[in-house]
Amino acid sequence: MNELIFLLLLFGLPAAVGARFAVARDRNPLAWGLLCGVIPFFLVVIYFRKPTREVRGHFRLCTSCGETFPWKDQACKYCGTAI
């Protein structure tokens, strides 16, 4: 039983977090979840990877410069345009 809990923490937790990050960045959650479960370093990669388009509730697209920034911010962090 302890081995199962250990395996779930070792592989399952990074996989679940990676899949959640992938959903927020409009990426494939299954592929990123499997990748993060096997090689947890990819959590850092998906965390810093920007989405390619607006993801409602997570990231928005600046109308001025075209960059994506977090949904909760009221101004673009790249050009300073207020949204």
Protein backbone atom coordinates (compact mmCIF):
# COMPACT_ATOMS: atom_id res chain seq x y z
CA MET A 1 0.00 0.00 0.00
CA ASN A 2 2.83 2.43 0.79
CA GLU A 3 4.43 1.66 -2.56
CA LEU A 4 1.22 2.61 -4.36
CA ILE A 5 1.00 5.93 -2.52
CA PHE A 6 4.65 6.59 -3.29
CA LEU A 7 4.12 5.90 -7.01
CA LEU A 8 1.04 8.09 -7.13
CA LEU A 9 2.94 10.96 -5.53
CA LEU A 10 6.00 10.41 -7.71
CA PHE A 11 4.21 10.12 -11.06
CA GLY A 12 0.56 11.07 -10.55
CA LEU A 13 1.00 14.43 -8.90
CA PRO A 14 3.32 15.90 -11.57
CA ALA A 15 1.03 14.47 -14.26
CA ALA A 16 -2.06 16.11 -12.75
CA VAL A 17 -0.33 19.46 -12.30
CA GLY A 18 1.08 19.33 -15.84
CA ALA A 19 -2.35 18.55 -17.27
CA ARG A 20 -3.85 21.48 -15.35
CA PHE A 21 -1.17 23.86 -16.65
CA ALA A 22 -1.78 22.56 -20.19
CA VAL A 23 -5.52 23.26 -19.98
CA ALA A 24 -4.82 26.81 -18.81
CA ARG A 25 -2.47 27.36 -21.75
CA ASP A 26 -4.68 25.74 -24.41
CA ARG A 27 -2.38 22.75 -24.92
CA ASN A 28 -3.12 19.01 -25.02
CA PRO A 29 -3.62 17.98 -21.36
CA LEU A 30 -3.18 14.25 -21.98
CA ALA A 31 0.16 14.60 -23.75
CA TRP A 32 1.52 17.17 -21.30
CA GLY A 33 0.21 15.17 -18.33
CA LEU A 34 1.99 12.03 -19.49
CA LEU A 35 5.14 13.95 -20.29
CA CYS A 36 5.19 15.66 -16.89
CA GLY A 37 4.43 12.38 -15.11
CA VAL A 38 7.45 10.67 -16.67
CA ILE A 39 9.84 13.66 -16.72
CA PRO A 40 8.78 16.23 -14.08
CA PHE A 41 11.16 18.85 -15.50
CA PHE A 42 8.52 19.52 -18.16
CA LEU A 43 6.40 21.17 -15.46
CA VAL A 44 8.80 24.10 -15.67
CA VAL A 45 8.54 24.11 -19.47
CA ILE A 46 4.73 24.17 -19.56
CA TYR A 47 4.56 26.72 -16.73
CA PHE A 48 6.64 29.28 -18.62
CA ARG A 49 5.18 28.54 -22.05
CA LYS A 50 2.73 31.19 -23.24
CA PRO A 51 -0.51 30.27 -25.01
CA THR A 52 -0.80 30.94 -28.72
CA ARG A 53 -4.23 32.55 -28.40
CA GLU A 54 -6.60 33.92 -25.78
CA VAL A 55 -7.76 31.38 -23.21
CA ARG A 56 -10.89 32.67 -21.47
CA GLY A 57 -10.42 32.92 -17.74
CA HIS A 58 -6.65 32.32 -17.88
CA PHE A 59 -4.93 34.50 -20.50
CA ARG A 60 -6.06 37.40 -22.67
CA LEU A 61 -4.66 38.88 -25.87
CA CYS A 62 -3.49 42.50 -25.92
CA THR A 63 -5.20 44.51 -28.63
CA SER A 64 -2.19 46.78 -29.01
CA CYS A 65 0.90 44.53 -29.14
CA GLY A 66 -0.69 41.09 -29.66
CA GLU A 67 1.02 39.41 -26.68
CA THR A 68 -0.84 37.24 -24.17
CA PHE A 69 -0.87 38.14 -20.50
CA PRO A 70 -2.68 36.80 -17.40
CA TRP A 71 -6.45 37.35 -17.32
CA LYS A 72 -6.38 38.93 -13.84
CA ASP A 73 -4.06 41.78 -14.93
CA GLN A 74 -5.82 44.99 -15.94
CA ALA A 75 -3.00 46.19 -18.22
CA CYS A 76 -0.66 44.45 -20.65
CA LYS A 77 2.66 43.73 -18.95
CA TYR A 78 4.53 44.12 -22.25
CA CYS A 79 3.27 47.46 -23.59
CA GLY A 80 1.26 48.84 -20.64
CA THR A 81 -2.03 49.23 -22.55
CA ALA A 82 -5.03 49.18 -20.19
CA ILE A 83 -7.68 46.65 -21.11
